[in-house]
Amino acid sequence: MLTATYSIVTIKLEHKKARWTFSSIQQAIMNSIRNIKNASGMDVENILERLSQFEHYCHQRKMEVFVIPAVRRFTHEADSLIDELESLSASSLAILHSLQSKLRDAVRIGALVIEDFCASLEQCCAHLFHRLTREEELVHIAERVIPNEAWFGIAASFLSQDAARDKQFGTASFEEEE
């Protein structure tokens, strides 16, 4: 029971950090959109890099690496929710790739279609925000459907992942850099 509690608290804390990090990135994006006509290519490139890093970070979180596979293993109740999360992730990745291509074209051509670029940035943020919101529902399902015995293995995986990350990168993580 204690390992289940540890795992659930860990997931919720990680999710809270992800939402806080995303909120910070989203605020920077919204500020940049308001000032984008004065922004340099480097400013826009920095925004896209931060979004790409956040998207990459999302795929390395415990939710995606351990909890989603466990929920899939123990119930089909969350299949549509998990499919929606995967769809939102794929959509935001496609938008990011499109934005990076538009930026490369803008640098090459020397012009940027501001309205289209800003709309795509906003759409990418909306997908990421919706994904984070829907993940909260998945945590509640995971809490209910994953047996206590399985949480022990999940908690061990969490600890192992944290130790490997700390060994590879030191104690600093993506959230701390923001």
Protein backbone atom coordinates (compact mmCIF):
# COMPACT_ATOMS: atom_id res chain seq x y z
CA MET A 1 0.00 0.00 0.00
CA LEU A 2 2.86 2.37 0.82
CA THR A 3 4.45 1.86 -2.61
CA ALA A 4 1.13 2.62 -4.30
CA THR A 5 0.89 5.85 -2.32
CA TYR A 6 4.51 6.73 -3.16
CA SER A 7 3.91 6.06 -6.86
CA ILE A 8 0.71 8.07 -7.02
CA VAL A 9 2.22 11.01 -5.15
CA THR A 10 5.27 10.86 -7.44
CA ILE A 11 3.06 10.91 -10.54
CA LYS A 12 1.00 13.81 -9.21
CA LEU A 13 4.11 15.82 -8.29
CA GLU A 14 5.67 15.17 -11.69
CA HIS A 15 2.44 16.20 -13.35
CA LYS A 16 2.26 19.37 -11.26
CA LYS A 17 5.84 20.23 -12.29
CA ALA A 18 4.96 19.58 -15.94
CA ARG A 19 1.94 21.88 -15.72
CA TRP A 20 4.00 24.59 -14.01
CA THR A 21 6.77 24.30 -16.61
CA PHE A 22 4.27 24.37 -19.44
CA SER A 23 2.51 27.38 -17.92
CA SER A 24 5.83 29.22 -17.86
CA ILE A 25 6.56 28.31 -21.49
CA GLN A 26 3.03 29.20 -22.55
CA GLN A 27 3.27 32.61 -20.86
CA ALA A 28 6.54 33.31 -22.69
CA ILE A 29 4.90 32.27 -25.96
CA MET A 30 1.87 34.49 -25.40
CA ASN A 31 4.15 37.43 -24.58
CA SER A 32 6.17 36.72 -27.72
CA ILE A 33 3.04 36.49 -29.85
CA ARG A 34 2.01 39.95 -28.68
CA ASN A 35 5.46 41.24 -29.59
CA ILE A 36 6.28 38.94 -32.51
CA LYS A 37 6.51 41.71 -35.09
CA ASN A 38 9.46 43.02 -33.10
CA ALA A 39 10.88 39.57 -32.34
CA SER A 40 14.01 38.37 -34.00
CA GLY A 41 14.41 34.97 -35.61
CA MET A 42 16.41 33.91 -32.57
CA ASP A 43 13.50 34.78 -30.25
CA VAL A 44 11.13 32.64 -32.31
CA GLU A 45 13.69 29.87 -32.59
CA ASN A 46 14.12 29.92 -28.79
CA ILE A 47 10.35 29.57 -28.33
CA LEU A 48 10.25 26.56 -30.64
CA GLU A 49 13.25 25.00 -28.92
CA ARG A 50 11.58 25.36 -25.50
CA LEU A 51 8.38 23.77 -26.84
CA SER A 52 10.38 20.93 -28.41
CA GLN A 53 12.26 20.34 -25.16
CA PHE A 54 8.99 20.29 -23.24
CA GLU A 55 7.45 17.83 -25.68
CA HIS A 56 10.52 15.59 -25.36
CA TYR A 57 10.34 15.91 -21.56
CA CYS A 58 6.67 14.83 -21.63
CA HIS A 59 7.61 11.58 -23.36
CA GLN A 60 10.19 10.77 -20.67
CA ARG A 61 7.90 11.33 -17.70
CA LYS A 62 6.90 8.45 -15.48
CA MET A 63 3.30 8.83 -16.64
CA GLU A 64 4.20 7.94 -20.19
CA VAL A 65 7.00 5.45 -19.54
CA PHE A 66 5.43 3.41 -16.72
CA VAL A 67 1.85 4.35 -15.85
CA ILE A 68 0.25 4.34 -19.30
CA PRO A 69 1.63 0.86 -20.13
CA ALA A 70 0.45 -0.40 -16.72
CA VAL A 71 -3.04 1.03 -17.19
CA ARG A 72 -3.22 -0.58 -20.65
CA ARG A 73 -2.18 -3.90 -19.08
CA PHE A 74 -4.84 -3.85 -16.34
CA THR A 75 -7.88 -2.32 -18.06
CA HIS A 76 -9.37 -1.30 -21.37
CA GLU A 77 -11.44 1.34 -19.61
CA ALA A 78 -8.87 4.04 -20.39
CA ASP A 79 -8.09 3.02 -23.99
CA SER A 80 -9.97 5.94 -25.53
CA LEU A 81 -8.37 8.40 -23.10
CA ILE A 82 -4.88 7.03 -23.80
CA ASP A 83 -5.60 7.11 -27.54
CA GLU A 84 -6.66 10.75 -27.16
CA LEU A 85 -3.44 11.55 -25.28
CA GLU A 86 -1.40 9.90 -28.03
CA SER A 87 -3.35 11.82 -30.68
CA LEU A 88 -2.79 15.13 -28.88
CA SER A 89 0.90 14.32 -28.60
CA ALA A 90 1.15 13.45 -32.29
CA SER A 91 -0.72 16.63 -33.22
CA SER A 92 1.53 18.86 -31.14
CA LEU A 93 4.62 17.16 -32.60
CA ALA A 94 3.29 17.68 -36.14
CA ILE A 95 2.59 21.33 -35.39
CA LEU A 96 6.09 21.78 -33.93
CA HIS A 97 7.68 20.24 -37.03
CA SER A 98 5.54 22.49 -39.21
CA LEU A 99 6.55 25.55 -37.19
CA GLN A 100 10.22 24.63 -37.45
CA SER A 101 9.84 24.24 -41.21
CA LYS A 102 8.04 27.60 -41.45
CA LEU A 103 10.83 29.22 -39.48
CA ARG A 104 13.49 27.71 -41.78
CA ASP A 105 11.52 28.96 -44.79
CA ALA A 106 11.16 32.37 -43.21
CA VAL A 107 14.89 32.60 -42.65
CA ARG A 108 15.58 31.44 -46.20
CA ILE A 109 12.95 33.67 -47.82
CA GLY A 110 13.32 36.51 -45.36
CA ALA A 111 9.63 36.75 -44.49
CA LEU A 112 7.34 35.12 -41.98
CA VAL A 113 3.59 34.81 -42.23
CA ILE A 114 2.99 36.14 -38.74
CA GLU A 115 -0.70 35.32 -38.33
CA ASP A 116 -0.30 31.71 -39.45
CA PHE A 117 2.77 31.23 -37.30
CA CYS A 118 1.07 32.68 -34.20
CA ALA A 119 -2.07 30.63 -34.79
CA SER A 120 0.03 27.47 -35.04
CA LEU A 121 1.87 28.33 -31.82
CA GLU A 122 -1.42 28.86 -30.03
CA GLN A 123 -2.78 25.59 -31.42
CA CYS A 124 0.31 23.70 -30.25
CA CYS A 125 -0.08 25.18 -26.76
CA ALA A 126 -3.76 24.26 -26.73
CA HIS A 127 -2.94 20.63 -27.59
CA LEU A 128 -0.26 20.43 -24.90
CA PHE A 129 -2.56 22.03 -22.31
CA HIS A 130 -5.43 19.67 -23.19
CA ARG A 131 -3.09 16.69 -22.99
CA LEU A 132 -1.92 17.68 -19.50
CA THR A 133 -5.52 18.20 -18.39
CA ARG A 134 -6.61 14.79 -19.70
CA GLU A 135 -3.65 13.08 -18.04
CA GLU A 136 -5.08 14.05 -14.68
CA GLU A 137 -8.07 11.84 -15.46
CA LEU A 138 -5.73 8.99 -16.30
CA VAL A 139 -4.03 9.29 -12.90
CA HIS A 140 -7.40 8.74 -11.20
CA ILE A 141 -8.09 5.69 -13.37
CA ALA A 142 -4.60 4.31 -12.69
CA GLU A 143 -5.12 4.75 -8.96
CA ARG A 144 -8.28 2.69 -9.15
CA VAL A 145 -7.33 -0.09 -11.60
CA ILE A 146 -3.67 -0.89 -11.01
CA PRO A 147 -3.39 -3.50 -8.24
CA ASN A 148 -1.27 -2.72 -5.17
CA GLU A 149 1.18 -5.49 -6.09
CA ALA A 150 1.83 -3.85 -9.47
CA TRP A 151 2.53 -0.48 -7.85
CA PHE A 152 5.59 -2.00 -6.17
CA GLY A 153 7.18 -2.67 -9.57
CA ILE A 154 6.15 0.75 -10.82
CA ALA A 155 7.67 2.45 -7.76
CA ALA A 156 10.89 0.48 -8.25
CA SER A 157 10.96 1.62 -11.88
CA PHE A 158 10.46 5.23 -10.77
CA LEU A 159 13.40 5.01 -8.40
CA SER A 160 15.56 3.31 -11.00
CA GLN A 161 14.69 5.95 -13.63
CA ASP A 162 15.44 8.77 -11.19
CA ALA A 163 18.78 7.23 -10.24
CA ALA A 164 19.75 6.73 -13.89
CA ARG A 165 18.77 10.31 -14.77
CA ASP A 166 20.67 11.70 -11.79
CA LYS A 167 23.73 9.65 -12.73
CA GLN A 168 23.54 10.78 -16.36
CA PHE A 169 22.69 14.45 -15.84
CA GLY A 170 23.55 15.17 -12.23
CA THR A 171 20.71 16.35 -10.02
CA ALA A 172 19.44 19.08 -12.38
CA SER A 173 16.36 18.20 -14.38
CA PHE A 174 14.33 19.94 -17.08
CA GLU A 175 11.95 21.55 -14.58
CA GLU A 176 14.80 22.97 -12.50
CA GLU A 177 16.38 24.57 -15.57
CA GLU A 178 13.23 26.52 -16.32
